[in-house]
Protein backbone atom coordinates (compact mmCIF):
# COMPACT_ATOMS: atom_id res chain seq x y z
CA MET A 1 1.99 16.51 -17.96
CA LEU A 2 -0.03 19.53 -16.80
CA LYS A 3 -2.96 17.29 -15.84
CA ARG A 4 -0.66 14.97 -13.88
CA THR A 5 0.92 17.91 -12.06
CA ILE A 6 -2.43 19.45 -11.12
CA THR A 7 -3.70 16.10 -9.88
CA ALA A 8 -0.56 15.58 -7.80
CA VAL A 9 -0.88 19.03 -6.20
CA VAL A 10 -4.55 18.46 -5.37
CA ALA A 11 -3.82 15.00 -3.98
CA ILE A 12 -1.06 16.35 -1.74
CA ALA A 13 -3.34 19.18 -0.60
CA ILE A 14 -5.83 16.53 0.56
CA PHE A 15 -3.27 14.06 1.93
CA ILE A 16 -1.51 16.53 4.25
CA PRO A 17 -4.64 17.59 6.20
CA VAL A 18 -5.66 13.93 6.51
CA CYS A 19 -2.26 13.20 8.07
CA VAL A 20 -2.45 16.27 10.32
CA PHE A 21 -5.87 15.28 11.66
CA SER A 22 -5.05 11.57 11.70
CA LYS A 23 -4.48 11.87 15.45
CA TYR A 24 -8.26 11.61 15.49
CA LEU A 25 -8.22 8.01 14.34
CA ILE A 26 -11.69 8.17 12.82
CA VAL A 27 -10.29 10.55 10.18
CA TRP A 28 -7.50 8.17 9.21
CA GLN A 29 -9.76 5.12 9.37
CA GLY A 30 -12.30 6.87 7.20
CA ALA A 31 -9.69 7.75 4.57
CA MET A 32 -8.26 4.21 4.54
CA THR A 33 -11.74 2.71 4.32
CA VAL A 34 -12.66 4.87 1.33
CA LEU A 35 -9.43 3.93 -0.44
CA SER A 36 -9.93 0.26 0.42
CA VAL A 37 -13.44 0.18 -1.05
CA MET A 38 -12.30 2.08 -4.16
CA ALA A 39 -9.43 -0.38 -4.58
CA ALA A 40 -11.89 -3.28 -4.35
CA TYR A 41 -14.04 -1.67 -7.03
CA GLU A 42 -11.05 -1.25 -9.36
CA MET A 43 -9.74 -4.77 -8.74
CA THR A 44 -13.06 -6.54 -9.24
CA LYS A 45 -13.70 -4.53 -12.39
CA CYS A 46 -10.23 -5.34 -13.75
CA VAL A 47 -10.55 -9.11 -13.29
CA GLY A 48 -14.15 -9.28 -14.49
CA ALA A 49 -15.79 -9.96 -11.12
CA SER A 50 -17.92 -6.81 -11.23
CA LYS A 51 -20.38 -8.71 -13.43
CA HIS A 52 -21.25 -11.02 -10.55
CA VAL A 53 -23.12 -9.61 -7.55
CA SER A 54 -22.27 -12.69 -5.50
CA LEU A 55 -18.58 -11.77 -5.74
CA LEU A 56 -19.07 -8.04 -5.24
CA ILE A 57 -20.98 -8.29 -1.94
CA PRO A 58 -18.16 -9.96 0.05
CA ALA A 59 -15.48 -7.92 -1.73
CA TYR A 60 -17.02 -4.63 -0.64
CA ALA A 61 -17.90 -5.97 2.81
CA VAL A 62 -14.33 -7.10 3.53
CA SER A 63 -12.84 -3.91 2.12
CA LEU A 64 -15.12 -1.88 4.36
CA LEU A 65 -14.69 -3.91 7.54
CA ALA A 66 -10.94 -4.58 7.47
CA PRO A 67 -9.71 -1.00 7.97
CA MET A 68 -12.78 0.43 9.70
CA LEU A 69 -13.22 -2.01 12.57
CA VAL A 70 -9.70 -3.31 13.07
CA LEU A 71 -8.92 -0.97 16.01
CA HIS A 72 -12.12 -1.86 17.83
CA VAL A 73 -11.72 -5.60 18.41
CA SER A 74 -10.05 -7.27 21.36
CA ASP A 75 -8.66 -10.36 19.63
CA LEU A 76 -7.29 -8.98 16.37
CA PHE A 77 -5.80 -12.18 14.99
CA LEU A 78 -9.00 -14.20 15.52
CA TRP A 79 -11.16 -11.44 14.03
CA VAL A 80 -9.01 -11.01 10.92
CA PHE A 81 -8.68 -14.76 10.45
CA ALA A 82 -12.46 -15.20 10.71
CA LEU A 83 -13.08 -12.33 8.29
CA TYR A 84 -10.90 -13.75 5.53
CA VAL A 85 -11.93 -17.36 6.11
CA GLY A 86 -15.54 -16.24 5.74
CA TYR A 87 -14.61 -14.40 2.55
CA MET A 88 -12.91 -17.52 1.19
CA ILE A 89 -15.90 -19.73 1.96
CA TRP A 90 -18.29 -17.26 0.35
CA THR A 91 -16.14 -17.11 -2.79
CA PHE A 92 -16.08 -20.90 -3.15
CA ALA A 93 -19.82 -21.04 -2.49
CA ALA A 94 -20.44 -18.44 -5.19
CA ASP A 95 -18.49 -20.63 -7.60
CA VAL A 96 -20.41 -23.75 -6.64
CA PHE A 97 -23.90 -22.29 -6.79
CA SER A 98 -23.29 -20.31 -9.97
CA ARG A 99 -23.44 -23.64 -11.83
CA GLY A 100 -20.59 -22.74 -14.12
CA LYS A 101 -21.58 -19.12 -14.74
CA ILE A 102 -18.63 -17.82 -12.72
CA ASP A 103 -15.21 -18.77 -14.01
CA PHE A 104 -12.93 -20.00 -11.21
CA GLU A 105 -10.11 -17.76 -12.43
CA VAL A 106 -12.36 -14.72 -12.00
CA SER A 107 -13.39 -15.60 -8.44
CA ALA A 108 -9.85 -16.58 -7.45
CA ALA A 109 -8.37 -13.38 -8.88
CA SER A 110 -11.08 -11.34 -7.17
CA PHE A 111 -10.42 -13.00 -3.81
CA MET A 112 -6.65 -12.64 -4.03
CA GLY A 113 -6.83 -9.03 -5.21
CA VAL A 114 -9.30 -7.88 -2.56
CA PHE A 115 -7.44 -9.79 0.17
CA TYR A 116 -4.26 -8.01 -0.89
CA THR A 117 -5.71 -4.50 -1.02
CA SER A 118 -7.94 -4.68 2.07
CA SER A 119 -5.21 -6.21 4.25
CA ALA A 120 -2.80 -3.46 3.14
CA PHE A 121 -5.19 -0.68 4.13
CA MET A 122 -5.90 -2.55 7.35
CA CYS A 123 -2.17 -2.51 8.13
CA LEU A 124 -2.02 1.21 7.38
CA THR A 125 -4.83 1.76 9.87
CA LEU A 126 -3.07 -0.31 12.51
CA LEU A 127 0.25 1.47 12.03
CA ARG A 128 -1.42 4.82 12.69
CA GLY A 129 -3.24 3.31 15.63
CA PHE A 130 0.08 2.56 17.33
CA GLY A 131 0.29 6.27 18.12
CA SER A 132 3.58 7.04 16.36
CA TYR A 133 4.37 8.54 12.99
CA ARG A 134 5.83 5.33 11.64
CA TYR A 135 2.90 5.02 9.25
CA LEU A 136 4.47 7.81 7.18
CA LEU A 137 7.33 5.47 6.32
CA VAL A 138 4.84 3.43 4.29
CA PHE A 139 4.49 6.39 1.93
CA ILE A 140 7.98 7.90 2.12
CA GLY A 141 9.77 4.75 0.97
CA PRO A 142 7.66 3.87 -2.08
CA TRP A 143 7.12 7.43 -3.28
CA VAL A 144 10.78 8.40 -2.96
CA SER A 145 11.79 5.13 -4.60
CA ASP A 146 9.32 5.60 -7.47
CA THR A 147 10.34 9.22 -8.05
CA PHE A 148 14.09 8.67 -8.04
CA ALA A 149 13.87 5.38 -9.92
CA TYR A 150 12.18 7.35 -12.70
CA LEU A 151 14.68 10.23 -12.56
CA THR A 152 17.72 7.97 -12.34
CA GLY A 153 16.41 5.79 -15.15
CA ARG A 154 15.86 8.84 -17.35
CA ALA A 155 19.36 10.13 -16.59
CA ILE A 156 21.57 7.05 -16.76
CA GLY A 157 19.28 4.08 -17.43
CA ARG A 158 20.76 1.70 -20.01
CA HIS A 159 19.72 -1.82 -19.03
CA LYS A 160 16.07 -2.89 -19.00
CA LEU A 161 14.88 -4.35 -15.72
CA ILE A 162 11.98 -6.62 -16.76
CA PRO A 163 10.79 -5.39 -20.18
CA GLU A 164 8.13 -8.11 -20.42
CA VAL A 165 6.38 -6.51 -17.41
CA SER A 166 7.37 -2.83 -17.57
CA PRO A 167 9.28 -1.81 -20.70
CA LYS A 168 10.46 1.56 -19.36
CA LYS A 169 11.96 0.47 -16.03
CA THR A 170 15.74 0.05 -15.91
CA VAL A 171 18.20 -1.64 -13.58
CA GLU A 172 19.94 1.69 -12.96
CA GLY A 173 16.62 3.28 -12.08
CA ALA A 174 15.76 0.49 -9.65
CA VAL A 175 19.12 0.84 -7.90
CA GLY A 176 18.71 4.62 -7.75
CA GLY A 177 15.29 4.18 -6.14
CA VAL A 178 16.75 1.91 -3.45
CA VAL A 179 19.65 4.26 -2.68
CA PHE A 180 17.50 7.37 -2.39
CA ALA A 181 14.84 5.58 -0.32
CA ALA A 182 17.56 4.48 2.12
CA PHE A 183 18.79 8.07 2.34
CA ALA A 184 15.21 9.35 2.81
CA TYR A 185 14.59 6.97 5.71
CA ALA A 186 17.82 8.00 7.41
CA LEU A 187 16.99 11.67 6.87
CA TYR A 188 13.50 11.17 8.27
CA GLY A 189 14.97 9.49 11.34
CA TRP A 190 17.37 12.39 11.86
CA ILE A 191 14.56 14.94 11.52
CA VAL A 192 12.48 13.12 14.14
CA LEU A 193 15.41 12.96 16.57
CA ARG A 194 16.39 16.58 15.95
CA PHE A 195 13.10 18.41 15.89
CA PHE A 196 10.39 16.32 17.60
CA PRO A 197 9.58 17.02 21.26
CA ALA A 198 10.85 14.63 23.89
CA GLU A 199 7.45 13.06 24.53
CA ALA A 200 7.08 12.18 20.85
CA ARG A 201 10.55 10.63 20.78
CA GLN A 202 9.67 8.55 23.81
CA VAL A 203 6.58 7.16 22.08
CA MET A 204 8.71 6.28 19.06
CA SER A 205 11.58 4.77 21.08
CA GLY A 206 13.61 7.78 19.99
CA ASN A 207 16.51 7.08 22.35
CA LYS A 208 17.29 3.87 20.46
CA VAL A 209 16.75 5.00 16.90
CA SER A 210 19.62 4.00 14.61
CA LEU A 211 20.05 5.89 11.35
CA LEU A 212 21.88 2.87 9.93
CA VAL A 213 18.91 0.61 10.68
CA MET A 214 16.61 3.27 9.23
CA ALA A 215 18.67 3.32 6.02
CA LEU A 216 18.65 -0.48 5.78
CA ALA A 217 14.90 -0.52 6.35
CA GLY A 218 14.53 2.09 3.61
CA ALA A 219 16.47 -0.09 1.19
CA VAL A 220 14.35 -3.15 2.02
CA VAL A 221 11.13 -1.17 1.69
CA ALA A 222 12.25 0.23 -1.67
CA VAL A 223 12.86 -3.26 -3.05
CA ILE A 224 9.50 -4.47 -1.73
CA SER A 225 7.71 -1.42 -3.13
CA GLN A 226 9.22 -1.99 -6.57
CA ILE A 227 8.04 -5.59 -6.49
CA GLY A 228 4.57 -4.32 -5.59
CA ASP A 229 4.64 -1.89 -8.49
CA LEU A 230 5.69 -4.60 -10.94
CA ALA A 231 3.16 -7.08 -9.54
CA MET A 232 0.29 -4.72 -10.25
CA SER A 233 1.70 -4.17 -13.73
CA VAL A 234 1.59 -7.94 -14.28
CA VAL A 235 -2.12 -7.94 -13.42
CA LYS A 236 -2.81 -5.05 -15.79
CA ARG A 237 -0.99 -6.79 -18.62
CA ARG A 238 -2.82 -10.05 -17.95
CA TYR A 239 -6.21 -8.35 -18.28
CA GLY A 240 -5.25 -5.80 -20.94
CA VAL A 241 -5.92 -2.77 -18.74
CA LYS A 242 -4.04 0.51 -19.14
CA ASP A 243 -5.20 2.06 -15.86
CA TYR A 244 -7.15 0.56 -13.00
CA GLY A 245 -9.33 3.62 -12.56
CA TRP A 246 -9.85 7.32 -13.21
CA ILE A 247 -10.06 8.97 -9.79
CA PHE A 248 -6.64 10.60 -10.26
CA PRO A 249 -6.71 12.23 -13.72
CA GLY A 250 -3.47 11.64 -15.55
CA HIS A 251 -2.39 9.06 -12.97
CA GLY A 252 -5.14 6.46 -13.03
CA GLY A 253 -6.93 4.94 -10.07
CA VAL A 254 -6.18 4.07 -6.47
CA LEU A 255 -4.35 0.90 -7.49
CA ASP A 256 -2.22 2.86 -9.97
CA ARG A 257 -1.13 5.38 -7.34
CA PHE A 258 -0.88 3.05 -4.35
CA ASP A 259 0.49 -0.04 -6.09
CA SER A 260 3.89 0.16 -4.37
CA VAL A 261 2.40 1.28 -1.04
CA LEU A 262 0.12 -1.76 -0.83
CA MET A 263 2.96 -4.25 -0.53
CA THR A 264 4.99 -1.99 1.76
CA ALA A 265 2.32 -1.58 4.44
CA PRO A 266 2.23 -5.25 5.56
CA VAL A 267 6.05 -5.41 5.53
CA LEU A 268 6.38 -2.39 7.83
CA MET A 269 3.61 -3.85 9.98
CA VAL A 270 5.64 -7.03 10.41
CA LEU A 271 8.85 -5.09 11.13
CA SER A 272 6.97 -3.10 13.75
CA GLN A 273 6.11 -6.34 15.55
CA ILE A 274 9.73 -7.55 15.73
CA PRO A 275 11.23 -5.96 18.88
CA ALA A 276 14.83 -6.30 17.66
CA VAL A 277 13.97 -4.17 14.62
CA SER A 278 11.12 -2.00 15.86
CA ALA A 279 13.19 -0.49 18.68
CA TYR A 280 15.51 1.14 16.14
CA LEU A 281 12.84 2.63 13.88
CA VAL A 282 11.07 5.95 14.39
């Protein structure tokens, strides 16, 4: 417990300055790129792709390019589509020319895992690039949901959620995580409206922000984040891995700490592109 606490304090001490200086986008892009590459390393190692250089080269290349260059291209959709189509072709080619040395399950799992992680960190980069503080919602929802799901489960948890995937998670805990995440989003919206300067509120469509919509978005994000958490647990169970990595002592690797964030980032990215929803979010 002491190791976990120390790691959490150190991680927060690093995370806060990165957020503060994220107005200089190169700082945020750099952080997301590092995390993306580390996530690719952990994923390829977990599924057994790290033994094959032909699978590692595109995995690292995509993980590096997706978050680092995404704000510097004119036609984003075409660029992203070309990047992942190229990655897919390379993966199939690696299978073909390996002459049976690369198992298809390994290459497919590597492709899917790296596509998932790199696209999530790409979305985090884009959200910050919009110029608002909406990117913080990607972290607030999952981390509040995770924390209060654990606390609620410990306090009143009686019914197992999906014991085959995560034996300790309970239905009561999951509901508690959703409720508190909804409250956290509404509270965050109120804080922005109450304390942010007028120019910041204008950038974030502050005059239209609805605390009810914020709460509903928080509930949706909490559900999505819990699915992301459980999905990464499924992968670990499939490959018999306790932790994806070691970078966070007592917590595991990037994929262990950002498992719920990874699925949340693309969802918030999509919500941010829907005018009927985006106008009511900070």
